[in-house]
Structures are given as C-alpha cells and as structure tokens.
C-alpha cells in the first residue's frame, strides 16, 4: 500500500476532456480525497496543467495510467508528501535568495 498523501504533477493534456471532467475522473481513483487543477498554459492543441492531489494512499502508477487514458502525459513530479502525517514544507536559507 502506498503512503503517498500529496503529489503535485506537471501534466500536458489535450483540450478534451475539459478540466472539470478531467478532475472528476481522477478524483474517482481509490486513495484520492481531493484534487486541484490549475491551468498554466494553453496552446493550439494542448493545455499544461498543475495537478495538486491529496489522499490517504495515492497509487502513482494508477494515477499516471488514468492520466494517460485521458490523453495526458506527466512531464514531472514536482512535489511528494508521504508517511503517516502531512508535514509542511519548511523554509530554509536557500529559499530566501
């Protein structure tokens, strides 16, 4: 069982399905309790979106498969939080520059 509780993905997807349908389909996956999709860029045939997903046990491979079934491609995994609790990100000296 996965211990991933938060994952943030950079995804390239076609215009269809539209964002509400895309979000609802992904939200139906087991282990996911919420999803936030932000539109970053629109091109002639595609959209770049940021997916912020929270859950109890997110199965990344299942999530990636569903994104691909919907015509999308994961460009990068930008953040992952795993474990029994969600630990907030802590600012460091390097972050202040």
PDB file of N, CA and C in Angstrom:
ATOM      1  N   UNK A   1       0.844  -1.186   0.000  1.00  0.00           N
ATOM      2  CA  UNK A   1       0.000   0.000   0.000  1.00  0.00           C
ATOM      3  C   UNK A   1       0.885   1.244   0.000  1.00  0.00           C
ATOM      4  N   UNK A   2       0.516   2.217  -0.793  1.00  0.00           N
ATOM      5  CA  UNK A   2       1.268   3.456  -0.930  1.00  0.00           C
ATOM      6  C   UNK A   2       1.063   4.344   0.291  1.00  0.00           C
ATOM      7  N   UNK A   3       2.118   5.065   0.659  1.00  0.00           N
ATOM      8  CA  UNK A   3       1.985   6.032   1.753  1.00  0.00           C
ATOM      9  C   UNK A   3       2.008   7.465   1.226  1.00  0.00           C
ATOM     10  N   UNK A   4       1.827   7.634  -0.092  1.00  0.00           N
ATOM     11  CA  UNK A   4       1.799   8.981  -0.681  1.00  0.00           C
ATOM     12  C   UNK A   4       0.496   9.659  -0.292  1.00  0.00           C
ATOM     13  N   UNK A   5       0.628  10.847   0.303  1.00  0.00           N
ATOM     14  CA  UNK A   5      -0.549  11.597   0.751  1.00  0.00           C
ATOM     15  C   UNK A   5      -0.783  12.854  -0.069  1.00  0.00           C
ATOM     16  N   UNK A   6       0.289  13.412  -0.639  1.00  0.00           N
ATOM     17  CA  UNK A   6       0.188  14.591  -1.507  1.00  0.00           C
ATOM     18  C   UNK A   6       1.146  14.386  -2.666  1.00  0.00           C
ATOM     19  N   UNK A   7       0.701  14.731  -3.870  1.00  0.00           N
ATOM     20  CA  UNK A   7       1.585  14.707  -5.034  1.00  0.00           C
ATOM     21  C   UNK A   7       1.196  15.866  -5.943  1.00  0.00           C
ATOM     22  N   UNK A   8       2.211  16.536  -6.479  1.00  0.00           N
ATOM     23  CA  UNK A   8       1.999  17.650  -7.402  1.00  0.00           C
ATOM     24  C   UNK A   8       2.661  17.272  -8.720  1.00  0.00           C
ATOM     25  N   UNK A   9       1.878  17.318  -9.795  1.00  0.00           N
ATOM     26  CA  UNK A   9       2.355  16.900 -11.111  1.00  0.00           C
ATOM     27  C   UNK A   9       2.201  18.014 -12.133  1.00  0.00           C
ATOM     28  N   UNK A  10       3.158  18.093 -13.045  1.00  0.00           N
ATOM     29  CA  UNK A  10       3.073  18.952 -14.224  1.00  0.00           C
ATOM     30  C   UNK A  10       2.619  18.041 -15.361  1.00  0.00           C
ATOM     31  N   UNK A  11       1.464  18.345 -15.940  1.00  0.00           N
ATOM     32  CA  UNK A  11       0.850  17.456 -16.934  1.00  0.00           C
ATOM     33  C   UNK A  11       0.511  18.229 -18.203  1.00  0.00           C
ATOM     34  N   UNK A  12       0.773  17.612 -19.347  1.00  0.00           N
ATOM     35  CA  UNK A  12       0.345  18.122 -20.649  1.00  0.00           C
ATOM     36  C   UNK A  12      -0.854  17.285 -21.074  1.00  0.00           C
ATOM     37  N   UNK A  13      -1.981  17.945 -21.434  1.00  0.00           N
ATOM     38  CA  UNK A  13      -3.193  17.225 -21.817  1.00  0.00           C
ATOM     39  C   UNK A  13      -3.835  17.889 -23.020  1.00  0.00           C
ATOM     40  N   UNK A  14      -4.631  17.140 -23.772  1.00  0.00           N
ATOM     41  CA  UNK A  14      -5.397  17.762 -24.856  1.00  0.00           C
ATOM     42  C   UNK A  14      -6.513  18.625 -24.261  1.00  0.00           C
ATOM     43  N   UNK A  15      -7.145  19.458 -25.090  1.00  0.00           N
ATOM     44  CA  UNK A  15      -8.227  20.319 -24.607  1.00  0.00           C
ATOM     45  C   UNK A  15      -9.411  19.512 -24.069  1.00  0.00           C
ATOM     46  N   UNK A  16      -9.623  18.325 -24.619  1.00  0.00           N
ATOM     47  CA  UNK A  16     -10.702  17.462 -24.137  1.00  0.00           C
ATOM     48  C   UNK A  16     -10.099  16.195 -23.573  1.00  0.00           C
ATOM     49  N   UNK A  17     -10.537  15.746 -22.406  1.00  0.00           N
ATOM     50  CA  UNK A  17     -11.675  16.258 -21.661  1.00  0.00           C
ATOM     51  C   UNK A  17     -11.385  17.621 -21.029  1.00  0.00           C
ATOM     52  N   UNK A  18     -12.458  18.391 -20.841  1.00  0.00           N
ATOM     53  CA  UNK A  18     -12.306  19.699 -20.214  1.00  0.00           C
ATOM     54  C   UNK A  18     -11.892  19.498 -18.751  1.00  0.00           C
ATOM     55  N   UNK A  19     -11.341  20.558 -18.152  1.00  0.00           N
ATOM     56  CA  UNK A  19     -10.770  20.438 -16.810  1.00  0.00           C
ATOM     57  C   UNK A  19     -11.721  19.861 -15.759  1.00  0.00           C
ATOM     58  N   UNK A  20     -12.995  20.286 -15.687  1.00  0.00           N
ATOM     59  CA  UNK A  20     -13.874  19.681 -14.675  1.00  0.00           C
ATOM     60  C   UNK A  20     -14.027  18.165 -14.849  1.00  0.00           C
ATOM     61  N   UNK A  21     -14.154  17.708 -16.087  1.00  0.00           N
ATOM     62  CA  UNK A  21     -14.283  16.271 -16.345  1.00  0.00           C
ATOM     63  C   UNK A  21     -12.982  15.538 -16.026  1.00  0.00           C
ATOM     64  N   UNK A  22     -11.854  16.143 -16.387  1.00  0.00           N
ATOM     65  CA  UNK A  22     -10.536  15.574 -16.104  1.00  0.00           C
ATOM     66  C   UNK A  22     -10.369  15.413 -14.593  1.00  0.00           C
ATOM     67  N   UNK A  23     -10.703  16.464 -13.840  1.00  0.00           N
ATOM     68  CA  UNK A  23     -10.579  16.439 -12.379  1.00  0.00           C
ATOM     69  C   UNK A  23     -11.497  15.388 -11.762  1.00  0.00           C
ATOM     70  N   UNK A  24     -12.745  15.352 -12.201  1.00  0.00           N
ATOM     71  CA  UNK A  24     -13.696  14.384 -11.643  1.00  0.00           C
ATOM     72  C   UNK A  24     -13.266  12.948 -11.892  1.00  0.00           C
ATOM     73  N   UNK A  25     -12.744  12.682 -13.077  1.00  0.00           N
ATOM     74  CA  UNK A  25     -12.302  11.320 -13.403  1.00  0.00           C
ATOM     75  C   UNK A  25     -11.144  10.903 -12.497  1.00  0.00           C
ATOM     76  N   UNK A  26     -10.176  11.791 -12.304  1.00  0.00           N
ATOM     77  CA  UNK A  26      -9.035  11.467 -11.443  1.00  0.00           C
ATOM     78  C   UNK A  26      -9.456  11.360  -9.979  1.00  0.00           C
ATOM     79  N   UNK A  27     -10.412  12.185  -9.559  1.00  0.00           N
ATOM     80  CA  UNK A  27     -10.875  12.171  -8.168  1.00  0.00           C
ATOM     81  C   UNK A  27     -11.579  10.867  -7.808  1.00  0.00           C
ATOM     82  N   UNK A  28     -12.041  10.124  -8.817  1.00  0.00           N
ATOM     83  CA  UNK A  28     -12.711   8.841  -8.576  1.00  0.00           C
ATOM     84  C   UNK A  28     -11.735   7.717  -8.236  1.00  0.00           C
ATOM     85  N   UNK A  29     -10.441   7.933  -8.464  1.00  0.00           N
ATOM     86  CA  UNK A  29      -9.460   6.877  -8.210  1.00  0.00           C
ATOM     87  C   UNK A  29      -9.379   6.573  -6.714  1.00  0.00           C
ATOM     88  N   UNK A  30      -9.149   5.304  -6.360  1.00  0.00           N
ATOM     89  CA  UNK A  30      -9.039   4.950  -4.949  1.00  0.00           C
ATOM     90  C   UNK A  30      -7.859   5.666  -4.290  1.00  0.00           C
ATOM     91  N   UNK A  31      -8.053   6.069  -3.047  1.00  0.00           N
ATOM     92  CA  UNK A  31      -6.983   6.714  -2.287  1.00  0.00           C
ATOM     93  C   UNK A  31      -6.920   8.214  -2.442  1.00  0.00           C
ATOM     94  N   UNK A  32      -7.664   8.784  -3.406  1.00  0.00           N
ATOM     95  CA  UNK A  32      -7.632  10.234  -3.631  1.00  0.00           C
ATOM     96  C   UNK A  32      -8.839  10.865  -2.944  1.00  0.00           C
ATOM     97  N   UNK A  33      -8.580  11.904  -2.121  1.00  0.00           N
ATOM     98  CA  UNK A  33      -9.687  12.582  -1.439  1.00  0.00           C
ATOM     99  C   UNK A  33      -9.925  13.986  -1.978  1.00  0.00           C
ATOM    100  N   UNK A  34      -8.972  14.522  -2.730  1.00  0.00           N
ATOM    101  CA  UNK A  34      -9.173  15.850  -3.304  1.00  0.00           C
ATOM    102  C   UNK A  34      -8.153  16.154  -4.378  1.00  0.00           C
ATOM    103  N   UNK A  35      -8.560  16.999  -5.325  1.00  0.00           N
ATOM    104  CA  UNK A  35      -7.678  17.371  -6.429  1.00  0.00           C
ATOM    105  C   UNK A  35      -7.903  18.829  -6.789  1.00  0.00           C
ATOM    106  N   UNK A  36      -6.817  19.516  -7.085  1.00  0.00           N
ATOM    107  CA  UNK A  36      -6.856  20.909  -7.524  1.00  0.00           C
ATOM    108  C   UNK A  36      -6.096  20.963  -8.841  1.00  0.00           C
ATOM    109  N   UNK A  37      -6.719  21.499  -9.880  1.00  0.00           N
ATOM    110  CA  UNK A  37      -6.049  21.624 -11.176  1.00  0.00           C
ATOM    111  C   UNK A  37      -5.959  23.096 -11.535  1.00  0.00           C
ATOM    112  N   UNK A  38      -4.741  23.536 -11.828  1.00  0.00           N
ATOM    113  CA  UNK A  38      -4.510  24.917 -12.268  1.00  0.00           C
ATOM    114  C   UNK A  38      -4.026  24.907 -13.706  1.00  0.00           C
ATOM    115  N   UNK A  39      -4.647  25.729 -14.533  1.00  0.00           N
ATOM    116  CA  UNK A  39      -4.231  25.870 -15.925  1.00  0.00           C
ATOM    117  C   UNK A  39      -3.015  26.783 -15.972  1.00  0.00           C
ATOM    118  N   UNK A  40      -1.930  26.291 -16.533  1.00  0.00           N
ATOM    119  CA  UNK A  40      -0.685  27.050 -16.606  1.00  0.00           C
ATOM    120  C   UNK A  40      -0.518  27.700 -17.973  1.00  0.00           C
ATOM    121  N   UNK A  41      -0.826  26.933 -19.028  1.00  0.00           N
ATOM    122  CA  UNK A  41      -0.620  27.439 -20.394  1.00  0.00           C
ATOM    123  C   UNK A  41      -1.564  26.722 -21.354  1.00  0.00           C
ATOM    124  N   UNK A  42      -2.019  27.453 -22.367  1.00  0.00           N
ATOM    125  CA  UNK A  42      -2.850  26.872 -23.431  1.00  0.00           C
ATOM    126  C   UNK A  42      -2.125  27.055 -24.753  1.00  0.00           C
ATOM    127  N   UNK A  43      -2.032  25.969 -25.514  1.00  0.00           N
ATOM    128  CA  UNK A  43      -1.511  26.020 -26.872  1.00  0.00           C
ATOM    129  C   UNK A  43      -2.659  25.664 -27.815  1.00  0.00           C
ATOM    130  N   UNK A  44      -2.350  25.579 -29.098  1.00  0.00           N
ATOM    131  CA  UNK A  44      -3.396  25.311 -30.087  1.00  0.00           C
ATOM    132  C   UNK A  44      -4.105  23.980 -29.836  1.00  0.00           C
ATOM    133  N   UNK A  45      -3.348  22.944 -29.457  1.00  0.00           N
ATOM    134  CA  UNK A  45      -3.943  21.622 -29.285  1.00  0.00           C
ATOM    135  C   UNK A  45      -3.863  21.077 -27.861  1.00  0.00           C
ATOM    136  N   UNK A  46      -3.109  21.738 -26.985  1.00  0.00           N
ATOM    137  CA  UNK A  46      -2.872  21.178 -25.651  1.00  0.00           C
ATOM    138  C   UNK A  46      -2.985  22.228 -24.548  1.00  0.00           C
ATOM    139  N   UNK A  47      -3.030  21.718 -23.329  1.00  0.00           N
ATOM    140  CA  UNK A  47      -3.023  22.544 -22.126  1.00  0.00           C
ATOM    141  C   UNK A  47      -1.964  21.996 -21.177  1.00  0.00           C
ATOM    142  N   UNK A  48      -1.210  22.878 -20.559  1.00  0.00           N
ATOM    143  CA  UNK A  48      -0.300  22.489 -19.492  1.00  0.00           C
ATOM    144  C   UNK A  48      -1.005  22.809 -18.187  1.00  0.00           C
ATOM    145  N   UNK A  49      -1.105  21.805 -17.319  1.00  0.00           N
ATOM    146  CA  UNK A  49      -1.809  21.979 -16.054  1.00  0.00           C
ATOM    147  C   UNK A  49      -0.946  21.490 -14.895  1.00  0.00           C
ATOM    148  N   UNK A  50      -1.201  22.068 -13.725  1.00  0.00           N
ATOM    149  CA  UNK A  50      -0.566  21.609 -12.495  1.00  0.00           C
ATOM    150  C   UNK A  50      -1.634  20.890 -11.688  1.00  0.00           C
ATOM    151  N   UNK A  51      -1.373  19.628 -11.347  1.00  0.00           N
ATOM    152  CA  UNK A  51      -2.288  18.839 -10.532  1.00  0.00           C
ATOM    153  C   UNK A  51      -1.751  18.775  -9.113  1.00  0.00           C
ATOM    154  N   UNK A  52      -2.527  19.223  -8.156  1.00  0.00           N
ATOM    155  CA  UNK A  52      -2.202  19.077  -6.736  1.00  0.00           C
ATOM    156  C   UNK A  52      -3.222  18.102  -6.170  1.00  0.00           C
ATOM    157  N   UNK A  53      -2.739  16.956  -5.710  1.00  0.00           N
ATOM    158  CA  UNK A  53      -3.632  15.869  -5.316  1.00  0.00           C
ATOM    159  C   UNK A  53      -3.337  15.460  -3.881  1.00  0.00           C
ATOM    160  N   UNK A  54      -4.405  15.291  -3.101  1.00  0.00           N
ATOM    161  CA  UNK A  54      -4.257  14.831  -1.727  1.00  0.00           C
ATOM    162  C   UNK A  54      -5.071  13.565  -1.546  1.00  0.00           C
ATOM    163  N   UNK A  55      -4.560  12.660  -0.720  1.00  0.00           N
ATOM    164  CA  UNK A  55      -5.271  11.420  -0.469  1.00  0.00           C
ATOM    165  C   UNK A  55      -4.718  10.689   0.725  1.00  0.00           C
ATOM    166  N   UNK A  56      -5.254   9.497   0.959  1.00  0.00           N
ATOM    167  CA  UNK A  56      -4.797   8.658   2.062  1.00  0.00           C
ATOM    168  C   UNK A  56      -3.682   7.721   1.612  1.00  0.00           C
ATOM    169  N   UNK A  57      -3.779   7.235   0.394  1.00  0.00           N
ATOM    170  CA  UNK A  57      -2.753   6.344  -0.164  1.00  0.00           C
ATOM    171  C   UNK A  57      -2.847   6.426  -1.686  1.00  0.00           C
ATOM    172  N   UNK A  58      -2.182   7.417  -2.254  1.00  0.00           N
ATOM    173  CA  UNK A  58      -2.244   7.662  -3.697  1.00  0.00           C
ATOM    174  C   UNK A  58      -1.328   6.673  -4.413  1.00  0.00           C
ATOM    175  N   UNK A  59      -1.884   5.933  -5.339  1.00  0.00           N
ATOM    176  CA  UNK A  59      -1.111   4.994  -6.156  1.00  0.00           C
ATOM    177  C   UNK A  59      -0.642   5.758  -7.393  1.00  0.00           C
ATOM    178  N   UNK A  60       0.639   6.141  -7.412  1.00  0.00           N
ATOM    179  CA  UNK A  60       1.148   6.966  -8.510  1.00  0.00           C
ATOM    180  C   UNK A  60       0.991   6.272  -9.858  1.00  0.00           C
ATOM    181  N   UNK A  61       1.288   4.989  -9.925  1.00  0.00           N
ATOM    182  CA  UNK A  61       1.208   4.278 -11.207  1.00  0.00           C
ATOM    183  C   UNK A  61      -0.228   4.254 -11.737  1.00  0.00           C
ATOM    184  N   UNK A  62      -1.183   4.027 -10.854  1.00  0.00           N
ATOM    185  CA  UNK A  62      -2.590   4.039 -11.253  1.00  0.00           C
ATOM    186  C   UNK A  62      -3.002   5.441 -11.706  1.00  0.00           C
ATOM    187  N   UNK A  63      -2.565   6.449 -10.985  1.00  0.00           N
ATOM    188  CA  UNK A  63      -2.846   7.840 -11.341  1.00  0.00           C
ATOM    189  C   UNK A  63      -2.258   8.169 -12.710  1.00  0.00           C
ATOM    190  N   UNK A  64      -1.015   7.785 -12.931  1.00  0.00           N
ATOM    191  CA  UNK A  64      -0.354   8.040 -14.217  1.00  0.00           C
ATOM    192  C   UNK A  64      -1.083   7.323 -15.357  1.00  0.00           C
ATOM    193  N   UNK A  65      -1.485   6.079 -15.127  1.00  0.00           N
ATOM    194  CA  UNK A  65      -2.231   5.325 -16.149  1.00  0.00           C
ATOM    195  C   UNK A  65      -3.528   6.037 -16.523  1.00  0.00           C
ATOM    196  N   UNK A  66      -4.244   6.544 -15.523  1.00  0.00           N
ATOM    197  CA  UNK A  66      -5.519   7.223 -15.787  1.00  0.00           C
ATOM    198  C   UNK A  66      -5.287   8.521 -16.552  1.00  0.00           C
ATOM    199  N   UNK A  67      -4.244   9.260 -16.190  1.00  0.00           N
ATOM    200  CA  UNK A  67      -3.898  10.491 -16.916  1.00  0.00           C
ATOM    201  C   UNK A  67      -3.625  10.160 -18.380  1.00  0.00           C
ATOM    202  N   UNK A  68      -2.888   9.081 -18.618  1.00  0.00           N
ATOM    203  CA  UNK A  68      -2.572   8.671 -19.989  1.00  0.00           C
ATOM    204  C   UNK A  68      -3.823   8.208 -20.741  1.00  0.00           C
ATOM    205  N   UNK A  69      -4.743   7.517 -20.065  1.00  0.00           N
ATOM    206  CA  UNK A  69      -6.003   7.107 -20.700  1.00  0.00           C
ATOM    207  C   UNK A  69      -6.809   8.320 -21.149  1.00  0.00           C
ATOM    208  N   UNK A  70      -6.674   9.418 -20.403  1.00  0.00           N
ATOM    209  CA  UNK A  70      -7.388  10.655 -20.731  1.00  0.00           C
ATOM    210  C   UNK A  70      -6.619  11.508 -21.743  1.00  0.00           C
ATOM    211  N   UNK A  71      -5.507  10.972 -22.274  1.00  0.00           N
ATOM    212  CA  UNK A  71      -4.740  11.660 -23.308  1.00  0.00           C
ATOM    213  C   UNK A  71      -3.611  12.523 -22.796  1.00  0.00           C
ATOM    214  N   UNK A  72      -3.367  12.497 -21.484  1.00  0.00           N
ATOM    215  CA  UNK A  72      -2.332  13.344 -20.897  1.00  0.00           C
ATOM    216  C   UNK A  72      -0.990  12.652 -20.751  1.00  0.00           C
ATOM    217  N   UNK A  73       0.017  13.451 -20.435  1.00  0.00           N
ATOM    218  CA  UNK A  73       1.374  12.971 -20.201  1.00  0.00           C
ATOM    219  C   UNK A  73       1.932  13.680 -18.976  1.00  0.00           C
ATOM    220  N   UNK A  74       2.501  12.907 -18.048  1.00  0.00           N
ATOM    221  CA  UNK A  74       3.145  13.513 -16.886  1.00  0.00           C
ATOM    222  C   UNK A  74       4.518  14.012 -17.314  1.00  0.00           C
ATOM    223  N   UNK A  75       4.730  15.333 -17.218  1.00  0.00           N
ATOM    224  CA  UNK A  75       6.033  15.913 -17.545  1.00  0.00           C
ATOM    225  C   UNK A  75       6.984  15.827 -16.375  1.00  0.00           C
ATOM    226  N   UNK A  76       6.471  16.047 -15.161  1.00  0.00           N
ATOM    227  CA  UNK A  76       7.342  15.978 -13.989  1.00  0.00           C
ATOM    228  C   UNK A  76       6.522  15.774 -12.728  1.00  0.00           C
ATOM    229  N   UNK A  77       7.190  15.195 -11.734  1.00  0.00           N
ATOM    230  CA  UNK A  77       6.653  15.112 -10.380  1.00  0.00           C
ATOM    231  C   UNK A  77       7.326  16.247  -9.625  1.00  0.00           C
ATOM    232  N   UNK A  78       6.542  17.249  -9.221  1.00  0.00           N
ATOM    233  CA  UNK A  78       7.112  18.452  -8.625  1.00  0.00           C
ATOM    234  C   UNK A  78       7.138  18.435  -7.107  1.00  0.00           C
ATOM    235  N   UNK A  79       6.340  17.582  -6.495  1.00  0.00           N
ATOM    236  CA  UNK A  79       6.324  17.507  -5.032  1.00  0.00           C
ATOM    237  C   UNK A  79       5.649  16.211  -4.621  1.00  0.00           C
ATOM    238  N   UNK A  80       6.160  15.615  -3.537  1.00  0.00           N
ATOM    239  CA  UNK A  80       5.553  14.415  -2.960  1.00  0.00           C
ATOM    240  C   UNK A  80       5.618  14.531  -1.442  1.00  0.00           C
ATOM    241  N   UNK A  81       4.516  14.200  -0.786  1.00  0.00           N
ATOM    242  CA  UNK A  81       4.488  14.096   0.670  1.00  0.00           C
ATOM    243  C   UNK A  81       4.004  12.687   0.977  1.00  0.00           C
ATOM    244  N   UNK A  82       4.771  11.970   1.801  1.00  0.00           N
ATOM    245  CA  UNK A  82       4.412  10.591   2.130  1.00  0.00           C
ATOM    246  C   UNK A  82       4.581  10.363   3.627  1.00  0.00           C
ATOM    247  N   UNK A  83       3.913   9.341   4.124  1.00  0.00           N
ATOM    248  CA  UNK A  83       4.032   8.981   5.533  1.00  0.00           C
ATOM    249  C   UNK A  83       2.698   9.040   6.248  1.00  0.00           C
ATOM    250  N   UNK A  84       2.751   8.930   7.565  1.00  0.00           N
ATOM    251  CA  UNK A  84       1.535   8.910   8.375  1.00  0.00           C
ATOM    252  C   UNK A  84       0.888  10.278   8.492  1.00  0.00           C
ATOM    253  N   UNK A  85       1.692  11.335   8.384  1.00  0.00           N
ATOM    254  CA  UNK A  85       1.174  12.703   8.506  1.00  0.00           C
ATOM    255  C   UNK A  85       1.699  13.552   7.358  1.00  0.00           C
ATOM    256  N   UNK A  86       0.965  14.618   7.058  1.00  0.00           N
ATOM    257  CA  UNK A  86       1.431  15.584   6.064  1.00  0.00           C
ATOM    258  C   UNK A  86       2.289  16.607   6.792  1.00  0.00           C
ATOM    259  N   UNK A  87       3.546  16.668   6.404  1.00  0.00           N
ATOM    260  CA  UNK A  87       4.494  17.584   7.028  1.00  0.00           C
ATOM    261  C   UNK A  87       4.607  18.817   6.144  1.00  0.00           C
ATOM    262  N   UNK A  88       4.383  20.015   6.714  1.00  0.00           N
ATOM    263  CA  UNK A  88       4.501  21.223   5.892  1.00  0.00           C
ATOM    264  C   UNK A  88       5.948  21.461   5.469  1.00  0.00           C
ATOM    265  N   UNK A  89       6.091  22.061   4.311  1.00  0.00           N
ATOM    266  CA  UNK A  89       7.417  22.403   3.811  1.00  0.00           C
ATOM    267  C   UNK A  89       8.001  23.501   4.694  1.00  0.00           C
ATOM    268  N   UNK A  90       9.290  23.381   5.016  1.00  0.00           N
ATOM    269  CA  UNK A  90       9.968  24.345   5.877  1.00  0.00           C
ATOM    270  C   UNK A  90      10.883  25.210   5.023  1.00  0.00           C
ATOM    271  N   UNK A  91      10.817  26.512   5.233  1.00  0.00           N
ATOM    272  CA  UNK A  91      11.684  27.429   4.501  1.00  0.00           C
ATOM    273  C   UNK A  91      13.111  27.326   5.040  1.00  0.00           C
ATOM    274  N   UNK A  92      14.076  27.295   4.124  1.00  0.00           N
ATOM    275  CA  UNK A  92      15.487  27.258   4.504  1.00  0.00           C
ATOM    276  C   UNK A  92      16.172  28.522   4.006  1.00  0.00           C
ATOM    277  N   UNK A  93      17.408  28.714   4.391  1.00  0.00           N
ATOM    278  CA  UNK A  93      18.153  29.895   3.948  1.00  0.00           C
ATOM    279  C   UNK A  93      18.251  29.963   2.429  1.00  0.00           C
ATOM    280  N   UNK A  94      18.381  28.807   1.769  1.00  0.00           N
ATOM    281  CA  UNK A  94      18.483  28.783   0.313  1.00  0.00           C
ATOM    282  C   UNK A  94      17.203  29.283  -0.352  1.00  0.00           C
ATOM    283  N   UNK A  95      16.062  29.124   0.304  1.00  0.00           N
ATOM    284  CA  UNK A  95      14.782  29.560  -0.255  1.00  0.00           C
ATOM    285  C   UNK A  95      14.626  31.076  -0.239  1.00  0.00           C
ATOM    286  N   UNK A  96      15.413  31.759   0.565  1.00  0.00           N
ATOM    287  CA  UNK A  96      15.245  33.199   0.763  1.00  0.00           C
ATOM    288  C   UNK A  96      15.976  34.050  -0.264  1.00  0.00           C
ATOM    289  N   UNK A  97      16.744  33.454  -1.121  1.00  0.00           N
ATOM    290  CA  UNK A  97      17.517  34.258  -2.086  1.00  0.00           C
ATOM    291  C   UNK A  97      16.712  34.672  -3.279  1.00  0.00           C
TER     292      UNK A  97
END
